[in-house]
Amino acid sequence: MKKKSLIELFIYIIIVVVGIILLFTFKPEKKPIEIPSDFKIVARGDSSAFVYIK
């Protein structure tokens, strides 16, 4: 292999390894979900649900 393509291959391998490590170690902050009290959820049938906002 050419030296340039070998260096490029190592850079790609390093990026993939760092990405996999971050994938398993990163823990995002849990934020509470606030739902307004005027939301009304109406389900029609088994396959669909509609949200109505007054």
PDB file of N, CA and C in Angstrom:
ATOM      1  N   MET A   1       0.837  -1.188   0.000  1.00  0.00           N
ATOM      2  CA  MET A   1       0.000   0.000   0.000  1.00  0.00           C
ATOM      3  C   MET A   1       0.879   1.249   0.000  1.00  0.00           C
ATOM      4  N   LYS A   2       0.324   2.295  -0.558  1.00  0.00           N
ATOM      5  CA  LYS A   2       1.046   3.559  -0.524  1.00  0.00           C
ATOM      6  C   LYS A   2       1.014   4.121   0.887  1.00  0.00           C
ATOM      7  N   LYS A   3       2.011   4.928   1.198  1.00  0.00           N
ATOM      8  CA  LYS A   3       2.113   5.492   2.543  1.00  0.00           C
ATOM      9  C   LYS A   3       0.926   6.400   2.844  1.00  0.00           C
ATOM     10  N   LYS A   4       0.478   7.161   1.850  1.00  0.00           N
ATOM     11  CA  LYS A   4      -0.634   8.089   2.057  1.00  0.00           C
ATOM     12  C   LYS A   4      -1.927   7.336   2.364  1.00  0.00           C
ATOM     13  N   SER A   5      -2.216   6.277   1.629  1.00  0.00           N
ATOM     14  CA  SER A   5      -3.445   5.525   1.873  1.00  0.00           C
ATOM     15  C   SER A   5      -3.378   4.743   3.183  1.00  0.00           C
ATOM     16  N   LEU A   6      -2.180   4.342   3.600  1.00  0.00           N
ATOM     17  CA  LEU A   6      -2.022   3.654   4.880  1.00  0.00           C
ATOM     18  C   LEU A   6      -2.303   4.607   6.043  1.00  0.00           C
ATOM     19  N   ILE A   7      -1.819   5.841   5.934  1.00  0.00           N
ATOM     20  CA  ILE A   7      -2.090   6.849   6.967  1.00  0.00           C
ATOM     21  C   ILE A   7      -3.587   7.155   7.011  1.00  0.00           C
ATOM     22  N   GLU A   8      -4.209   7.268   5.859  1.00  0.00           N
ATOM     23  CA  GLU A   8      -5.642   7.533   5.801  1.00  0.00           C
ATOM     24  C   GLU A   8      -6.436   6.386   6.427  1.00  0.00           C
ATOM     25  N   LEU A   9      -6.016   5.161   6.183  1.00  0.00           N
ATOM     26  CA  LEU A   9      -6.668   4.000   6.773  1.00  0.00           C
ATOM     27  C   LEU A   9      -6.566   4.027   8.293  1.00  0.00           C
ATOM     28  N   PHE A  10      -5.402   4.367   8.837  1.00  0.00           N
ATOM     29  CA  PHE A  10      -5.232   4.455  10.287  1.00  0.00           C
ATOM     30  C   PHE A  10      -6.112   5.555  10.882  1.00  0.00           C
ATOM     31  N   ILE A  11      -6.242   6.672  10.190  1.00  0.00           N
ATOM     32  CA  ILE A  11      -7.099   7.759  10.678  1.00  0.00           C
ATOM     33  C   ILE A  11      -8.554   7.296  10.743  1.00  0.00           C
ATOM     34  N   TYR A  12      -9.026   6.597   9.709  1.00  0.00           N
ATOM     35  CA  TYR A  12     -10.394   6.089   9.721  1.00  0.00           C
ATOM     36  C   TYR A  12     -10.601   5.072  10.837  1.00  0.00           C
ATOM     37  N   ILE A  13      -9.635   4.209  11.067  1.00  0.00           N
ATOM     38  CA  ILE A  13      -9.737   3.217  12.140  1.00  0.00           C
ATOM     39  C   ILE A  13      -9.808   3.911  13.494  1.00  0.00           C
ATOM     40  N   ILE A  14      -8.995   4.942  13.700  1.00  0.00           N
ATOM     41  CA  ILE A  14      -9.009   5.676  14.971  1.00  0.00           C
ATOM     42  C   ILE A  14     -10.365   6.348  15.182  1.00  0.00           C
ATOM     43  N   ILE A  15     -10.923   6.950  14.131  1.00  0.00           N
ATOM     44  CA  ILE A  15     -12.232   7.604  14.250  1.00  0.00           C
ATOM     45  C   ILE A  15     -13.314   6.590  14.609  1.00  0.00           C
ATOM     46  N   VAL A  16     -13.296   5.424  13.986  1.00  0.00           N
ATOM     47  CA  VAL A  16     -14.296   4.392  14.271  1.00  0.00           C
ATOM     48  C   VAL A  16     -14.157   3.875  15.697  1.00  0.00           C
ATOM     49  N   VAL A  17     -12.928   3.643  16.153  1.00  0.00           N
ATOM     50  CA  VAL A  17     -12.707   3.142  17.514  1.00  0.00           C
ATOM     51  C   VAL A  17     -13.174   4.169  18.542  1.00  0.00           C
ATOM     52  N   VAL A  18     -12.843   5.445  18.339  1.00  0.00           N
ATOM     53  CA  VAL A  18     -13.286   6.496  19.262  1.00  0.00           C
ATOM     54  C   VAL A  18     -14.813   6.592  19.257  1.00  0.00           C
ATOM     55  N   GLY A  19     -15.434   6.482  18.107  1.00  0.00           N
ATOM     56  CA  GLY A  19     -16.892   6.522  18.021  1.00  0.00           C
ATOM     57  C   GLY A  19     -17.554   5.372  18.764  1.00  0.00           C
ATOM     58  N   ILE A  20     -17.004   4.172  18.646  1.00  0.00           N
ATOM     59  CA  ILE A  20     -17.562   3.016  19.359  1.00  0.00           C
ATOM     60  C   ILE A  20     -17.393   3.180  20.863  1.00  0.00           C
ATOM     61  N   ILE A  21     -16.237   3.687  21.298  1.00  0.00           N
ATOM     62  CA  ILE A  21     -16.009   3.915  22.731  1.00  0.00           C
ATOM     63  C   ILE A  21     -17.001   4.941  23.264  1.00  0.00           C
ATOM     64  N   LEU A  22     -17.212   6.040  22.535  1.00  0.00           N
ATOM     65  CA  LEU A  22     -18.160   7.063  22.978  1.00  0.00           C
ATOM     66  C   LEU A  22     -19.596   6.543  22.970  1.00  0.00           C
ATOM     67  N   LEU A  23     -19.905   5.653  22.048  1.00  0.00           N
ATOM     68  CA  LEU A  23     -21.248   5.091  21.966  1.00  0.00           C
ATOM     69  C   LEU A  23     -21.614   4.338  23.243  1.00  0.00           C
ATOM     70  N   PHE A  24     -20.653   3.634  23.821  1.00  0.00           N
ATOM     71  CA  PHE A  24     -20.937   2.842  25.010  1.00  0.00           C
ATOM     72  C   PHE A  24     -20.695   3.591  26.314  1.00  0.00           C
ATOM     73  N   THR A  25     -19.984   4.709  26.298  1.00  0.00           N
ATOM     74  CA  THR A  25     -19.668   5.397  27.549  1.00  0.00           C
ATOM     75  C   THR A  25     -20.465   6.673  27.766  1.00  0.00           C
ATOM     76  N   PHE A  26     -21.041   7.262  26.730  1.00  0.00           N
ATOM     77  CA  PHE A  26     -21.749   8.538  26.871  1.00  0.00           C
ATOM     78  C   PHE A  26     -23.102   8.318  27.526  1.00  0.00           C
ATOM     79  N   LYS A  27     -23.386   9.062  28.589  1.00  0.00           N
ATOM     80  CA  LYS A  27     -24.669   8.990  29.289  1.00  0.00           C
ATOM     81  C   LYS A  27     -25.320  10.373  29.242  1.00  0.00           C
ATOM     82  N   PRO A  28     -26.356  10.574  28.433  1.00  0.00           N
ATOM     83  CA  PRO A  28     -27.007  11.888  28.369  1.00  0.00           C
ATOM     84  C   PRO A  28     -27.789  12.181  29.642  1.00  0.00           C
ATOM     85  N   GLU A  29     -27.986  13.465  29.912  1.00  0.00           N
ATOM     86  CA  GLU A  29     -28.762  13.872  31.081  1.00  0.00           C
ATOM     87  C   GLU A  29     -30.240  13.576  30.832  1.00  0.00           C
ATOM     88  N   LYS A  30     -30.907  13.119  31.878  1.00  0.00           N
ATOM     89  CA  LYS A  30     -32.343  12.856  31.758  1.00  0.00           C
ATOM     90  C   LYS A  30     -33.101  14.115  32.147  1.00  0.00           C
ATOM     91  N   LYS A  31     -33.906  14.607  31.221  1.00  0.00           N
ATOM     92  CA  LYS A  31     -34.701  15.803  31.468  1.00  0.00           C
ATOM     93  C   LYS A  31     -36.165  15.392  31.599  1.00  0.00           C
ATOM     94  N   PRO A  32     -36.875  15.956  32.573  1.00  0.00           N
ATOM     95  CA  PRO A  32     -38.299  15.614  32.697  1.00  0.00           C
ATOM     96  C   PRO A  32     -39.097  16.175  31.521  1.00  0.00           C
ATOM     97  N   ILE A  33     -40.070  15.418  31.091  1.00  0.00           N
ATOM     98  CA  ILE A  33     -40.929  15.837  29.985  1.00  0.00           C
ATOM     99  C   ILE A  33     -42.172  16.491  30.575  1.00  0.00           C
ATOM    100  N   GLU A  34     -42.399  17.751  30.231  1.00  0.00           N
ATOM    101  CA  GLU A  34     -43.556  18.479  30.744  1.00  0.00           C
ATOM    102  C   GLU A  34     -44.663  18.473  29.695  1.00  0.00           C
ATOM    103  N   ILE A  35     -45.806  17.928  30.082  1.00  0.00           N
ATOM    104  CA  ILE A  35     -46.956  17.876  29.186  1.00  0.00           C
ATOM    105  C   ILE A  35     -48.004  18.850  29.716  1.00  0.00           C
ATOM    106  N   PRO A  36     -48.445  19.806  28.913  1.00  0.00           N
ATOM    107  CA  PRO A  36     -49.469  20.748  29.378  1.00  0.00           C
ATOM    108  C   PRO A  36     -50.762  20.021  29.748  1.00  0.00           C
ATOM    109  N   SER A  37     -51.485  20.574  30.709  1.00  0.00           N
ATOM    110  CA  SER A  37     -52.699  19.912  31.193  1.00  0.00           C
ATOM    111  C   SER A  37     -53.839  19.970  30.179  1.00  0.00           C
ATOM    112  N   ASP A  38     -53.748  20.832  29.168  1.00  0.00           N
ATOM    113  CA  ASP A  38     -54.834  20.932  28.196  1.00  0.00           C
ATOM    114  C   ASP A  38     -54.662  19.994  27.005  1.00  0.00           C
ATOM    115  N   PHE A  39     -53.699  19.083  27.045  1.00  0.00           N
ATOM    116  CA  PHE A  39     -53.553  18.084  25.986  1.00  0.00           C
ATOM    117  C   PHE A  39     -54.591  16.990  26.193  1.00  0.00           C
ATOM    118  N   LYS A  40     -55.233  16.588  25.102  1.00  0.00           N
ATOM    119  CA  LYS A  40     -56.212  15.515  25.185  1.00  0.00           C
ATOM    120  C   LYS A  40     -55.857  14.491  24.114  1.00  0.00           C
ATOM    121  N   ILE A  41     -55.641  13.256  24.528  1.00  0.00           N
ATOM    122  CA  ILE A  41     -55.269  12.198  23.594  1.00  0.00           C
ATOM    123  C   ILE A  41     -56.487  11.307  23.374  1.00  0.00           C
ATOM    124  N   VAL A  42     -56.866  11.161  22.110  1.00  0.00           N
ATOM    125  CA  VAL A  42     -58.020  10.341  21.760  1.00  0.00           C
ATOM    126  C   VAL A  42     -57.542   9.263  20.799  1.00  0.00           C
ATOM    127  N   ALA A  43     -57.774   8.010  21.149  1.00  0.00           N
ATOM    128  CA  ALA A  43     -57.357   6.900  20.289  1.00  0.00           C
ATOM    129  C   ALA A  43     -58.545   6.425  19.461  1.00  0.00           C
ATOM    130  N   ARG A  44     -58.309   6.257  18.179  1.00  0.00           N
ATOM    131  CA  ARG A  44     -59.340   5.738  17.285  1.00  0.00           C
ATOM    132  C   ARG A  44     -58.823   4.454  16.664  1.00  0.00           C
ATOM    133  N   GLY A  45     -59.401   3.355  16.996  1.00  0.00           N
ATOM    134  CA  GLY A  45     -58.971   2.087  16.442  1.00  0.00           C
ATOM    135  C   GLY A  45     -57.695   1.597  17.112  1.00  0.00           C
ATOM    136  N   ASP A  46     -57.122   0.557  16.556  1.00  0.00           N
ATOM    137  CA  ASP A  46     -55.926  -0.041  17.135  1.00  0.00           C
ATOM    138  C   ASP A  46     -54.640   0.574  16.613  1.00  0.00           C
ATOM    139  N   SER A  47     -54.685   1.185  15.437  1.00  0.00           N
ATOM    140  CA  SER A  47     -53.432   1.577  14.797  1.00  0.00           C
ATOM    141  C   SER A  47     -53.129   3.066  14.836  1.00  0.00           C
ATOM    142  N   SER A  48     -54.051   3.891  15.341  1.00  0.00           N
ATOM    143  CA  SER A  48     -53.780   5.319  15.282  1.00  0.00           C
ATOM    144  C   SER A  48     -54.230   6.019  16.558  1.00  0.00           C
ATOM    145  N   ALA A  49     -53.553   7.118  16.874  1.00  0.00           N
ATOM    146  CA  ALA A  49     -53.931   7.960  18.010  1.00  0.00           C
ATOM    147  C   ALA A  49     -53.812   9.405  17.560  1.00  0.00           C
ATOM    148  N   PHE A  50     -54.775  10.223  17.935  1.00  0.00           N
ATOM    149  CA  PHE A  50     -54.772  11.620  17.542  1.00  0.00           C
ATOM    150  C   PHE A  50     -54.641  12.491  18.778  1.00  0.00           C
ATOM    151  N   VAL A  51     -53.906  13.575  18.663  1.00  0.00           N
ATOM    152  CA  VAL A  51     -53.727  14.505  19.770  1.00  0.00           C
ATOM    153  C   VAL A  51     -54.460  15.789  19.417  1.00  0.00           C
ATOM    154  N   TYR A  52     -55.397  16.183  20.262  1.00  0.00           N
ATOM    155  CA  TYR A  52     -56.148  17.413  20.047  1.00  0.00           C
ATOM    156  C   TYR A  52     -55.706  18.450  21.063  1.00  0.00           C
ATOM    157  N   ILE A  53     -55.475  19.655  20.584  1.00  0.00           N
ATOM    158  CA  ILE A  53     -55.083  20.755  21.459  1.00  0.00           C
ATOM    159  C   ILE A  53     -56.202  21.784  21.440  1.00  0.00           C
ATOM    160  N   LYS A  54     -56.745  22.105  22.612  1.00  0.00           N
ATOM    161  CA  LYS A  54     -57.822  23.102  22.688  1.00  0.00           C
ATOM    162  C   LYS A  54     -57.253  24.472  22.926  1.00  0.00           C
TER     163      LYS A  54
END
